[in-house]
N, C-alpha and C. Protein backbone atom coordinates (compact mmCIF):
# COMPACT_ATOMS: atom_id res chain seq x y z
N MET A 1 -36.26 -113.50 -2.94
CA MET A 1 -35.91 -114.08 -4.22
C MET A 1 -34.46 -114.56 -4.19
N ASN A 2 -34.25 -115.73 -4.77
CA ASN A 2 -32.89 -116.21 -4.86
C ASN A 2 -32.27 -115.79 -6.21
N TYR A 3 -31.01 -116.15 -6.42
CA TYR A 3 -30.27 -115.71 -7.60
C TYR A 3 -30.91 -116.19 -8.90
N ASN A 4 -31.36 -117.45 -8.96
CA ASN A 4 -31.97 -118.00 -10.18
C ASN A 4 -33.25 -117.27 -10.54
N GLN A 5 -34.07 -116.93 -9.55
CA GLN A 5 -35.32 -116.21 -9.83
C GLN A 5 -35.02 -114.79 -10.33
N ILE A 6 -34.03 -114.14 -9.73
CA ILE A 6 -33.64 -112.80 -10.18
C ILE A 6 -33.12 -112.87 -11.61
N SER A 7 -32.31 -113.88 -11.90
CA SER A 7 -31.75 -114.05 -13.24
C SER A 7 -32.85 -114.24 -14.27
N ILE A 8 -33.87 -115.03 -13.95
CA ILE A 8 -34.96 -115.30 -14.88
C ILE A 8 -35.77 -114.03 -15.14
N VAL A 9 -35.96 -113.20 -14.13
CA VAL A 9 -36.75 -111.98 -14.27
C VAL A 9 -35.99 -110.91 -15.04
N PHE A 10 -34.72 -110.71 -14.73
CA PHE A 10 -33.98 -109.59 -15.30
C PHE A 10 -33.27 -109.90 -16.62
N LYS A 11 -33.07 -111.16 -16.94
CA LYS A 11 -32.39 -111.52 -18.18
C LYS A 11 -33.09 -110.93 -19.41
N PRO A 12 -34.42 -111.06 -19.56
CA PRO A 12 -35.07 -110.47 -20.73
C PRO A 12 -34.91 -108.95 -20.79
N PHE A 13 -34.91 -108.28 -19.63
CA PHE A 13 -34.73 -106.83 -19.61
C PHE A 13 -33.34 -106.43 -20.12
N PHE A 14 -32.33 -107.19 -19.71
CA PHE A 14 -30.99 -106.89 -20.17
C PHE A 14 -30.86 -107.10 -21.68
N VAL A 15 -31.47 -108.14 -22.19
CA VAL A 15 -31.43 -108.39 -23.63
C VAL A 15 -32.11 -107.25 -24.38
N ILE A 16 -33.26 -106.80 -23.90
CA ILE A 16 -33.97 -105.69 -24.54
C ILE A 16 -33.15 -104.42 -24.46
N LEU A 17 -32.53 -104.15 -23.32
CA LEU A 17 -31.70 -102.95 -23.18
C LEU A 17 -30.50 -102.97 -24.12
N VAL A 18 -29.85 -104.11 -24.24
CA VAL A 18 -28.70 -104.23 -25.15
C VAL A 18 -29.15 -103.99 -26.57
N MET A 19 -30.27 -104.54 -26.99
CA MET A 19 -30.78 -104.35 -28.34
C MET A 19 -31.11 -102.88 -28.59
N LEU A 20 -31.73 -102.23 -27.64
CA LEU A 20 -32.08 -100.81 -27.81
C LEU A 20 -30.84 -99.95 -27.94
N PHE A 21 -29.85 -100.21 -27.08
CA PHE A 21 -28.62 -99.43 -27.17
C PHE A 21 -27.86 -99.72 -28.47
N SER A 22 -27.91 -100.96 -28.94
CA SER A 22 -27.26 -101.30 -30.20
C SER A 22 -27.92 -100.57 -31.36
N ILE A 23 -29.24 -100.56 -31.40
CA ILE A 23 -29.96 -99.86 -32.46
C ILE A 23 -29.65 -98.37 -32.39
N SER A 24 -29.60 -97.83 -31.19
CA SER A 24 -29.29 -96.42 -31.01
C SER A 24 -27.87 -96.12 -31.48
N ALA A 25 -26.93 -96.99 -31.17
CA ALA A 25 -25.54 -96.77 -31.58
C ALA A 25 -25.41 -96.82 -33.09
N PHE A 26 -26.09 -97.76 -33.75
CA PHE A 26 -26.02 -97.84 -35.21
C PHE A 26 -26.69 -96.64 -35.85
N SER A 27 -27.75 -96.14 -35.26
CA SER A 27 -28.45 -95.01 -35.85
C SER A 27 -27.63 -93.73 -35.74
N GLN A 28 -26.62 -93.69 -34.86
CA GLN A 28 -25.78 -92.50 -34.71
C GLN A 28 -24.67 -92.44 -35.76
N GLN A 29 -24.43 -93.53 -36.50
CA GLN A 29 -23.39 -93.52 -37.51
C GLN A 29 -23.80 -92.63 -38.67
N LYS A 30 -22.82 -91.90 -39.19
CA LYS A 30 -23.09 -91.00 -40.30
C LYS A 30 -22.38 -91.57 -41.52
N TYR A 31 -23.09 -91.85 -42.56
CA TYR A 31 -22.52 -92.39 -43.78
C TYR A 31 -22.37 -91.27 -44.80
N VAL A 32 -21.15 -91.15 -45.34
CA VAL A 32 -20.88 -90.14 -46.35
C VAL A 32 -20.56 -90.88 -47.64
N ILE A 33 -21.27 -90.54 -48.67
CA ILE A 33 -21.03 -91.15 -49.98
C ILE A 33 -20.14 -90.20 -50.76
N ASP A 34 -18.94 -90.68 -51.10
CA ASP A 34 -17.98 -89.88 -51.83
C ASP A 34 -17.92 -90.42 -53.25
N ASN A 35 -18.34 -89.65 -54.20
CA ASN A 35 -18.39 -90.10 -55.59
C ASN A 35 -17.07 -89.91 -56.32
N SER A 36 -16.07 -89.27 -55.71
CA SER A 36 -14.79 -89.09 -56.39
C SER A 36 -14.06 -90.43 -56.42
N ASN A 37 -13.18 -90.57 -57.39
CA ASN A 37 -12.49 -91.85 -57.58
C ASN A 37 -11.09 -91.78 -56.96
N HIS A 38 -10.95 -92.21 -55.71
CA HIS A 38 -9.66 -92.21 -55.02
C HIS A 38 -8.91 -93.52 -55.19
N PHE A 39 -9.51 -94.48 -55.87
CA PHE A 39 -8.89 -95.80 -56.02
C PHE A 39 -7.51 -95.68 -56.66
N TRP A 40 -7.41 -94.99 -57.80
CA TRP A 40 -6.14 -94.94 -58.54
C TRP A 40 -5.08 -94.12 -57.82
N GLU A 41 -5.48 -93.27 -56.89
CA GLU A 41 -4.50 -92.52 -56.10
C GLU A 41 -3.75 -93.43 -55.13
N LYS A 42 -4.32 -94.59 -54.82
CA LYS A 42 -3.71 -95.51 -53.88
C LYS A 42 -3.00 -96.69 -54.56
N VAL A 43 -2.96 -96.67 -55.90
CA VAL A 43 -2.33 -97.76 -56.65
C VAL A 43 -0.89 -97.37 -57.00
N GLN A 44 0.02 -98.31 -56.81
CA GLN A 44 1.41 -98.12 -57.20
C GLN A 44 1.83 -99.26 -58.13
N PHE A 45 2.64 -98.92 -59.11
CA PHE A 45 3.15 -99.90 -60.06
C PHE A 45 4.65 -100.07 -59.85
N GLY A 46 5.13 -101.26 -60.13
CA GLY A 46 6.56 -101.51 -59.98
C GLY A 46 6.86 -102.94 -60.33
N GLY A 47 7.77 -103.53 -59.57
CA GLY A 47 8.14 -104.91 -59.81
C GLY A 47 9.63 -105.07 -59.79
N GLY A 48 10.11 -105.99 -60.59
CA GLY A 48 11.53 -106.27 -60.60
C GLY A 48 12.01 -106.77 -61.95
N LEU A 49 13.29 -106.61 -62.17
CA LEU A 49 13.98 -107.13 -63.34
C LEU A 49 15.13 -107.97 -62.83
N GLY A 50 15.41 -109.05 -63.52
CA GLY A 50 16.51 -109.90 -63.11
C GLY A 50 17.38 -110.27 -64.30
N LEU A 51 18.67 -110.26 -64.08
CA LEU A 51 19.61 -110.65 -65.13
C LEU A 51 20.79 -111.35 -64.48
N GLY A 52 20.99 -112.58 -64.85
CA GLY A 52 22.13 -113.34 -64.35
C GLY A 52 22.83 -113.98 -65.53
N ILE A 53 24.11 -113.67 -65.69
CA ILE A 53 24.88 -114.23 -66.80
C ILE A 53 26.17 -114.78 -66.23
N GLY A 54 26.47 -116.00 -66.60
CA GLY A 54 27.69 -116.63 -66.14
C GLY A 54 28.29 -117.46 -67.25
N SER A 55 29.23 -118.26 -66.92
CA SER A 55 29.90 -119.12 -67.89
C SER A 55 28.91 -120.16 -68.41
N GLY A 56 28.30 -119.87 -69.54
CA GLY A 56 27.34 -120.79 -70.15
C GLY A 56 25.96 -120.77 -69.52
N TYR A 57 25.69 -119.80 -68.65
CA TYR A 57 24.41 -119.74 -67.95
C TYR A 57 23.78 -118.37 -68.18
N THR A 58 22.45 -118.37 -68.42
CA THR A 58 21.70 -117.12 -68.60
C THR A 58 20.39 -117.22 -67.83
N ASP A 59 20.07 -116.14 -67.10
CA ASP A 59 18.80 -116.05 -66.36
C ASP A 59 18.28 -114.63 -66.55
N ILE A 60 17.17 -114.50 -67.27
CA ILE A 60 16.54 -113.20 -67.52
C ILE A 60 15.11 -113.28 -67.01
N SER A 61 14.71 -112.30 -66.20
CA SER A 61 13.34 -112.31 -65.70
C SER A 61 12.77 -110.90 -65.65
N VAL A 62 11.47 -110.82 -65.89
CA VAL A 62 10.71 -109.57 -65.82
C VAL A 62 9.50 -109.86 -64.96
N MET A 63 9.31 -109.05 -63.89
CA MET A 63 8.23 -109.30 -62.94
C MET A 63 7.48 -108.00 -62.62
N PRO A 64 6.58 -107.56 -63.51
CA PRO A 64 5.80 -106.36 -63.20
C PRO A 64 4.72 -106.67 -62.16
N SER A 65 4.38 -105.65 -61.37
CA SER A 65 3.33 -105.85 -60.37
C SER A 65 2.67 -104.51 -60.03
N ALA A 66 1.54 -104.61 -59.37
CA ALA A 66 0.80 -103.43 -58.93
C ALA A 66 0.25 -103.73 -57.54
N ILE A 67 0.28 -102.70 -56.67
CA ILE A 67 -0.28 -102.86 -55.33
C ILE A 67 -1.28 -101.75 -55.06
N TYR A 68 -2.22 -102.06 -54.21
CA TYR A 68 -3.21 -101.09 -53.73
C TYR A 68 -2.93 -100.85 -52.26
N ASN A 69 -2.66 -99.60 -51.90
CA ASN A 69 -2.39 -99.25 -50.51
C ASN A 69 -3.70 -99.09 -49.77
N VAL A 70 -4.07 -100.09 -48.99
CA VAL A 70 -5.30 -100.06 -48.21
C VAL A 70 -5.23 -98.92 -47.21
N ASN A 71 -4.08 -98.77 -46.57
CA ASN A 71 -3.80 -97.66 -45.66
C ASN A 71 -2.29 -97.51 -45.60
N GLU A 72 -1.76 -96.75 -44.65
CA GLU A 72 -0.32 -96.54 -44.56
C GLU A 72 0.45 -97.79 -44.14
N ILE A 73 -0.26 -98.78 -43.62
CA ILE A 73 0.41 -99.97 -43.10
C ILE A 73 0.26 -101.17 -44.03
N VAL A 74 -0.90 -101.35 -44.66
CA VAL A 74 -1.20 -102.55 -45.43
C VAL A 74 -1.38 -102.24 -46.91
N ALA A 75 -0.80 -103.11 -47.76
CA ALA A 75 -0.99 -103.03 -49.21
C ALA A 75 -1.19 -104.44 -49.75
N VAL A 76 -2.04 -104.57 -50.76
CA VAL A 76 -2.27 -105.86 -51.42
C VAL A 76 -2.12 -105.65 -52.92
N GLY A 77 -1.75 -106.72 -53.63
CA GLY A 77 -1.55 -106.55 -55.06
C GLY A 77 -1.43 -107.85 -55.81
N VAL A 78 -1.12 -107.68 -57.10
CA VAL A 78 -0.94 -108.81 -58.01
C VAL A 78 0.33 -108.59 -58.81
N GLY A 79 0.88 -109.68 -59.31
CA GLY A 79 2.09 -109.58 -60.13
C GLY A 79 2.10 -110.63 -61.21
N LEU A 80 2.90 -110.36 -62.23
CA LEU A 80 3.13 -111.31 -63.31
C LEU A 80 4.61 -111.66 -63.32
N GLN A 81 4.94 -112.81 -63.89
CA GLN A 81 6.34 -113.21 -63.97
C GLN A 81 6.60 -113.87 -65.30
N PHE A 82 7.68 -113.44 -65.95
CA PHE A 82 8.15 -114.04 -67.19
C PHE A 82 9.64 -114.25 -67.04
N GLY A 83 10.11 -115.43 -67.42
CA GLY A 83 11.53 -115.69 -67.27
C GLY A 83 12.06 -116.66 -68.30
N TYR A 84 13.37 -116.55 -68.53
CA TYR A 84 14.08 -117.45 -69.42
C TYR A 84 15.36 -117.87 -68.71
N LEU A 85 15.58 -119.16 -68.60
CA LEU A 85 16.80 -119.70 -68.00
C LEU A 85 17.44 -120.65 -69.00
N SER A 86 18.74 -120.58 -69.11
CA SER A 86 19.43 -121.45 -70.04
C SER A 86 20.79 -121.84 -69.47
N SER A 87 21.11 -123.09 -69.62
CA SER A 87 22.43 -123.58 -69.28
C SER A 87 22.98 -124.23 -70.56
N LYS A 88 24.02 -123.63 -71.08
CA LYS A 88 24.57 -124.04 -72.39
C LYS A 88 24.79 -125.55 -72.45
N SER A 89 24.27 -126.11 -73.50
CA SER A 89 24.40 -127.55 -73.79
C SER A 89 23.67 -128.43 -72.78
N TYR A 90 22.82 -127.83 -71.90
CA TYR A 90 22.12 -128.66 -70.93
C TYR A 90 20.60 -128.46 -71.02
N TYR A 91 20.09 -127.23 -70.86
CA TYR A 91 18.66 -127.01 -70.92
C TYR A 91 18.32 -125.56 -71.27
N ASN A 92 17.06 -125.38 -71.71
CA ASN A 92 16.43 -124.07 -71.90
C ASN A 92 15.09 -124.14 -71.19
N SER A 93 14.78 -123.12 -70.40
CA SER A 93 13.56 -123.15 -69.62
C SER A 93 12.84 -121.82 -69.71
N TYR A 94 11.52 -121.88 -69.90
CA TYR A 94 10.66 -120.70 -69.92
C TYR A 94 9.72 -120.79 -68.72
N VAL A 95 9.56 -119.66 -68.03
CA VAL A 95 8.74 -119.60 -66.83
C VAL A 95 7.76 -118.45 -66.99
N TYR A 96 6.48 -118.71 -66.68
CA TYR A 96 5.47 -117.63 -66.73
C TYR A 96 4.37 -117.94 -65.73
N GLY A 97 3.81 -116.88 -65.17
CA GLY A 97 2.75 -117.07 -64.19
C GLY A 97 2.40 -115.79 -63.48
N GLY A 98 1.80 -115.94 -62.30
CA GLY A 98 1.34 -114.78 -61.57
C GLY A 98 1.47 -114.97 -60.07
N SER A 99 1.18 -113.89 -59.34
CA SER A 99 1.28 -113.96 -57.89
C SER A 99 0.31 -112.98 -57.23
N LEU A 100 -0.01 -113.30 -55.99
CA LEU A 100 -0.78 -112.42 -55.12
C LEU A 100 0.18 -111.94 -54.03
N VAL A 101 0.16 -110.63 -53.75
CA VAL A 101 1.12 -110.03 -52.85
C VAL A 101 0.41 -109.34 -51.69
N GLY A 102 0.93 -109.51 -50.49
CA GLY A 102 0.47 -108.78 -49.32
C GLY A 102 1.67 -108.16 -48.63
N LEU A 103 1.60 -106.84 -48.36
CA LEU A 103 2.69 -106.13 -47.71
C LEU A 103 2.19 -105.47 -46.43
N VAL A 104 2.99 -105.53 -45.39
CA VAL A 104 2.66 -104.88 -44.13
C VAL A 104 3.88 -104.08 -43.68
N ASN A 105 3.67 -102.81 -43.34
CA ASN A 105 4.73 -101.94 -42.87
C ASN A 105 4.43 -101.55 -41.42
N PRO A 106 4.87 -102.36 -40.44
CA PRO A 106 4.56 -102.04 -39.04
C PRO A 106 5.16 -100.70 -38.63
N ILE A 107 6.32 -100.37 -39.18
CA ILE A 107 6.91 -99.04 -39.07
C ILE A 107 7.38 -98.68 -40.48
N PRO A 108 7.52 -97.41 -40.82
CA PRO A 108 7.84 -97.04 -42.20
C PRO A 108 9.08 -97.71 -42.79
N GLU A 109 10.08 -98.02 -41.98
CA GLU A 109 11.33 -98.57 -42.50
C GLU A 109 11.32 -100.09 -42.67
N ILE A 110 10.37 -100.77 -42.09
CA ILE A 110 10.33 -102.24 -42.14
C ILE A 110 9.12 -102.69 -42.96
N GLN A 111 9.36 -103.61 -43.89
CA GLN A 111 8.27 -104.16 -44.70
C GLN A 111 8.28 -105.68 -44.58
N LEU A 112 7.15 -106.23 -44.15
CA LEU A 112 6.94 -107.67 -44.11
C LEU A 112 6.10 -108.04 -45.31
N SER A 113 6.36 -109.20 -45.90
CA SER A 113 5.63 -109.56 -47.11
C SER A 113 5.24 -111.03 -47.12
N ALA A 114 4.15 -111.28 -47.82
CA ALA A 114 3.70 -112.65 -48.12
C ALA A 114 3.31 -112.65 -49.59
N GLU A 115 3.80 -113.63 -50.32
CA GLU A 115 3.53 -113.69 -51.76
C GLU A 115 3.26 -115.13 -52.16
N LEU A 116 2.08 -115.34 -52.72
CA LEU A 116 1.72 -116.65 -53.25
C LEU A 116 1.95 -116.62 -54.75
N GLU A 117 2.85 -117.47 -55.23
CA GLU A 117 3.26 -117.45 -56.63
C GLU A 117 2.90 -118.78 -57.30
N GLN A 118 2.31 -118.71 -58.46
CA GLN A 118 1.98 -119.91 -59.25
C GLN A 118 2.56 -119.69 -60.64
N VAL A 119 3.55 -120.51 -61.03
CA VAL A 119 4.18 -120.35 -62.33
C VAL A 119 4.22 -121.68 -63.08
N ARG A 120 4.19 -121.56 -64.38
CA ARG A 120 4.33 -122.71 -65.26
C ARG A 120 5.78 -122.78 -65.71
N VAL A 121 6.38 -123.95 -65.61
CA VAL A 121 7.77 -124.15 -65.99
C VAL A 121 7.81 -125.11 -67.17
N ASN A 122 8.38 -124.66 -68.29
CA ASN A 122 8.54 -125.49 -69.49
C ASN A 122 10.03 -125.61 -69.77
N THR A 123 10.58 -126.79 -69.57
CA THR A 123 12.02 -127.00 -69.72
C THR A 123 12.29 -128.05 -70.78
N ASP A 124 13.20 -127.73 -71.68
CA ASP A 124 13.67 -128.67 -72.69
C ASP A 124 15.12 -129.00 -72.39
N TYR A 125 15.40 -130.28 -72.10
CA TYR A 125 16.75 -130.74 -71.81
C TYR A 125 17.38 -131.24 -73.10
N ASN A 126 18.62 -130.84 -73.33
CA ASN A 126 19.35 -131.26 -74.53
C ASN A 126 19.89 -132.68 -74.33
N SER A 127 20.08 -133.36 -75.43
CA SER A 127 20.61 -134.72 -75.33
C SER A 127 22.10 -134.67 -74.99
N THR A 128 22.53 -135.69 -74.31
CA THR A 128 23.95 -135.85 -73.96
C THR A 128 24.34 -137.28 -74.35
N PRO A 129 25.60 -137.60 -74.28
CA PRO A 129 25.98 -138.99 -74.58
C PRO A 129 25.35 -140.00 -73.62
N TYR A 130 24.84 -139.50 -72.45
CA TYR A 130 24.31 -140.41 -71.44
C TYR A 130 22.79 -140.48 -71.41
N ARG A 131 22.09 -139.52 -72.08
CA ARG A 131 20.63 -139.54 -72.09
C ARG A 131 20.10 -138.79 -73.30
N PRO A 132 18.91 -139.17 -73.76
CA PRO A 132 18.30 -138.46 -74.90
C PRO A 132 17.67 -137.14 -74.42
N SER A 133 17.35 -136.29 -75.36
CA SER A 133 16.67 -135.03 -75.01
C SER A 133 15.25 -135.32 -74.55
N TYR A 134 14.73 -134.48 -73.67
CA TYR A 134 13.35 -134.64 -73.20
C TYR A 134 12.86 -133.30 -72.66
N SER A 135 11.56 -133.23 -72.41
CA SER A 135 10.93 -132.01 -71.89
C SER A 135 10.27 -132.30 -70.54
N ASP A 136 10.25 -131.30 -69.70
CA ASP A 136 9.60 -131.39 -68.40
C ASP A 136 8.76 -130.14 -68.22
N ASN A 137 7.45 -130.30 -68.13
CA ASN A 137 6.53 -129.18 -68.00
C ASN A 137 5.67 -129.39 -66.76
N TYR A 138 5.65 -128.39 -65.87
CA TYR A 138 4.90 -128.54 -64.63
C TYR A 138 4.56 -127.17 -64.05
N TRP A 139 3.64 -127.18 -63.09
CA TRP A 139 3.29 -125.98 -62.32
C TRP A 139 4.08 -125.98 -61.03
N ASN A 140 4.59 -124.82 -60.65
CA ASN A 140 5.32 -124.68 -59.39
C ASN A 140 4.60 -123.65 -58.53
N THR A 141 4.28 -124.02 -57.30
CA THR A 141 3.63 -123.12 -56.35
C THR A 141 4.62 -122.78 -55.26
N ALA A 142 4.71 -121.49 -54.94
CA ALA A 142 5.60 -121.04 -53.88
C ALA A 142 4.85 -120.07 -52.98
N LEU A 143 5.13 -120.13 -51.70
CA LEU A 143 4.59 -119.18 -50.73
C LEU A 143 5.78 -118.54 -50.03
N TYR A 144 6.08 -117.31 -50.43
CA TYR A 144 7.22 -116.59 -49.89
C TYR A 144 6.81 -115.73 -48.70
N LEU A 145 7.54 -115.83 -47.61
CA LEU A 145 7.40 -114.94 -46.47
C LEU A 145 8.72 -114.18 -46.36
N GLY A 146 8.63 -112.85 -46.26
CA GLY A 146 9.86 -112.09 -46.28
C GLY A 146 9.83 -110.85 -45.41
N ALA A 147 10.99 -110.23 -45.32
CA ALA A 147 11.14 -108.99 -44.58
C ALA A 147 12.22 -108.17 -45.26
N GLY A 148 12.04 -106.85 -45.19
CA GLY A 148 13.03 -105.99 -45.81
C GLY A 148 13.09 -104.62 -45.19
N TYR A 149 14.15 -103.90 -45.54
CA TYR A 149 14.34 -102.52 -45.12
C TYR A 149 13.82 -101.63 -46.24
N ARG A 150 12.94 -100.69 -45.89
CA ARG A 150 12.29 -99.83 -46.88
C ARG A 150 12.77 -98.39 -46.71
N THR A 151 13.13 -97.79 -47.82
CA THR A 151 13.45 -96.37 -47.86
C THR A 151 12.84 -95.79 -49.12
N GLY A 152 11.88 -94.90 -48.94
CA GLY A 152 11.17 -94.34 -50.08
C GLY A 152 10.37 -95.41 -50.80
N SER A 153 10.60 -95.55 -52.10
CA SER A 153 9.85 -96.54 -52.89
C SER A 153 10.63 -97.83 -53.09
N VAL A 154 11.78 -97.98 -52.45
CA VAL A 154 12.64 -99.16 -52.62
C VAL A 154 12.70 -99.96 -51.33
N THR A 155 12.55 -101.29 -51.46
CA THR A 155 12.71 -102.20 -50.32
C THR A 155 13.76 -103.24 -50.69
N VAL A 156 14.70 -103.46 -49.80
CA VAL A 156 15.75 -104.47 -49.97
C VAL A 156 15.60 -105.46 -48.83
N GLY A 157 15.54 -106.75 -49.18
CA GLY A 157 15.36 -107.74 -48.13
C GLY A 157 15.57 -109.15 -48.61
N ALA A 158 14.98 -110.08 -47.88
CA ALA A 158 15.08 -111.50 -48.21
C ALA A 158 13.73 -112.15 -47.96
N ARG A 159 13.48 -113.23 -48.69
CA ARG A 159 12.24 -113.99 -48.52
C ARG A 159 12.57 -115.47 -48.56
N TYR A 160 11.65 -116.26 -48.00
CA TYR A 160 11.84 -117.70 -47.95
C TYR A 160 10.57 -118.40 -48.41
N ASP A 161 10.72 -119.39 -49.29
CA ASP A 161 9.60 -120.18 -49.79
C ASP A 161 9.30 -121.30 -48.79
N VAL A 162 8.20 -121.15 -48.05
CA VAL A 162 7.87 -122.15 -47.03
C VAL A 162 7.37 -123.45 -47.66
N LEU A 163 7.07 -123.45 -48.96
CA LEU A 163 6.65 -124.67 -49.67
C LEU A 163 7.80 -125.28 -50.47
N TYR A 164 9.01 -124.83 -50.23
CA TYR A 164 10.17 -125.25 -51.02
C TYR A 164 10.37 -126.77 -51.00
N ASP A 165 10.52 -127.33 -52.19
CA ASP A 165 10.79 -128.76 -52.37
C ASP A 165 12.02 -128.86 -53.28
N PRO A 166 13.15 -129.30 -52.77
CA PRO A 166 14.37 -129.32 -53.58
C PRO A 166 14.25 -130.19 -54.84
N ASN A 167 13.31 -131.12 -54.87
CA ASN A 167 13.15 -131.99 -56.04
C ASN A 167 12.28 -131.38 -57.13
N ARG A 168 11.42 -130.42 -56.79
CA ARG A 168 10.50 -129.87 -57.79
C ARG A 168 10.54 -128.35 -57.89
N SER A 169 11.22 -127.70 -56.99
CA SER A 169 11.22 -126.24 -57.00
C SER A 169 11.96 -125.69 -58.20
N LEU A 170 11.52 -124.55 -58.62
CA LEU A 170 12.13 -123.85 -59.75
C LEU A 170 13.53 -123.37 -59.41
N TYR A 171 13.76 -123.03 -58.16
CA TYR A 171 15.03 -122.45 -57.74
C TYR A 171 15.85 -123.45 -56.93
N GLY A 172 17.13 -123.19 -56.83
CA GLY A 172 18.04 -124.08 -56.11
C GLY A 172 17.96 -123.96 -54.61
N SER A 173 17.30 -122.91 -54.11
CA SER A 173 17.19 -122.70 -52.67
C SER A 173 15.84 -122.05 -52.36
N GLY A 174 15.34 -122.29 -51.16
CA GLY A 174 14.10 -121.65 -50.74
C GLY A 174 14.31 -120.22 -50.28
N PHE A 175 15.55 -119.86 -49.98
CA PHE A 175 15.91 -118.52 -49.52
C PHE A 175 16.29 -117.67 -50.72
N MET A 176 15.82 -116.42 -50.76
CA MET A 176 16.07 -115.58 -51.91
C MET A 176 16.12 -114.10 -51.51
N PRO A 177 17.20 -113.38 -51.84
CA PRO A 177 17.22 -111.93 -51.61
C PRO A 177 16.34 -111.23 -52.64
N PHE A 178 15.87 -110.01 -52.33
CA PHE A 178 15.07 -109.27 -53.31
C PHE A 178 15.28 -107.77 -53.19
N VAL A 179 14.98 -107.07 -54.28
CA VAL A 179 14.88 -105.63 -54.33
C VAL A 179 13.53 -105.35 -54.94
N ARG A 180 12.67 -104.63 -54.21
CA ARG A 180 11.31 -104.35 -54.65
C ARG A 180 11.17 -102.83 -54.82
N VAL A 181 10.62 -102.39 -55.97
CA VAL A 181 10.46 -100.97 -56.25
C VAL A 181 9.02 -100.71 -56.67
N TYR A 182 8.38 -99.71 -56.05
CA TYR A 182 7.04 -99.28 -56.43
C TYR A 182 7.01 -97.76 -56.56
N PHE A 183 6.36 -97.30 -57.63
CA PHE A 183 6.24 -95.85 -57.89
C PHE A 183 4.80 -95.39 -57.74
């Protein structure tokens, strides 16, 4: 017998053997149904507060969020964002929206993050001698990738908006430092 004839004869046997061993392997799994509710034990709440006050400038933000710790390394969550920005005699802006958060801790002290943020921006510009007052309302999407140093429930780091557009972005830069706290 040559190689092709041997292959034709033994190929079906190998397929049958693989299927039998696969069925046997699956039948050895033991499924345990746990009726206790461990979901809330893995949920953490937190977020951030922001306050910036300068000469004629005000920036106030509240960003509550919640994460679910899938395991010691990975967490996923959601967040809300509410903000007020004002520049005296120039504009008033309200920002609100939400985000999806993914956190990875390859080692306990390092936290990598990805956050998809979708916010509505409503800005009213005041009139000046050079232009009349007007409003600008739009949706802003940002995808932040970041890294930080974690100690306990606090992470300090920086993130960058990979979708940053200087003409339409809510912020003046795509780079942003952060302090993240979860309890």
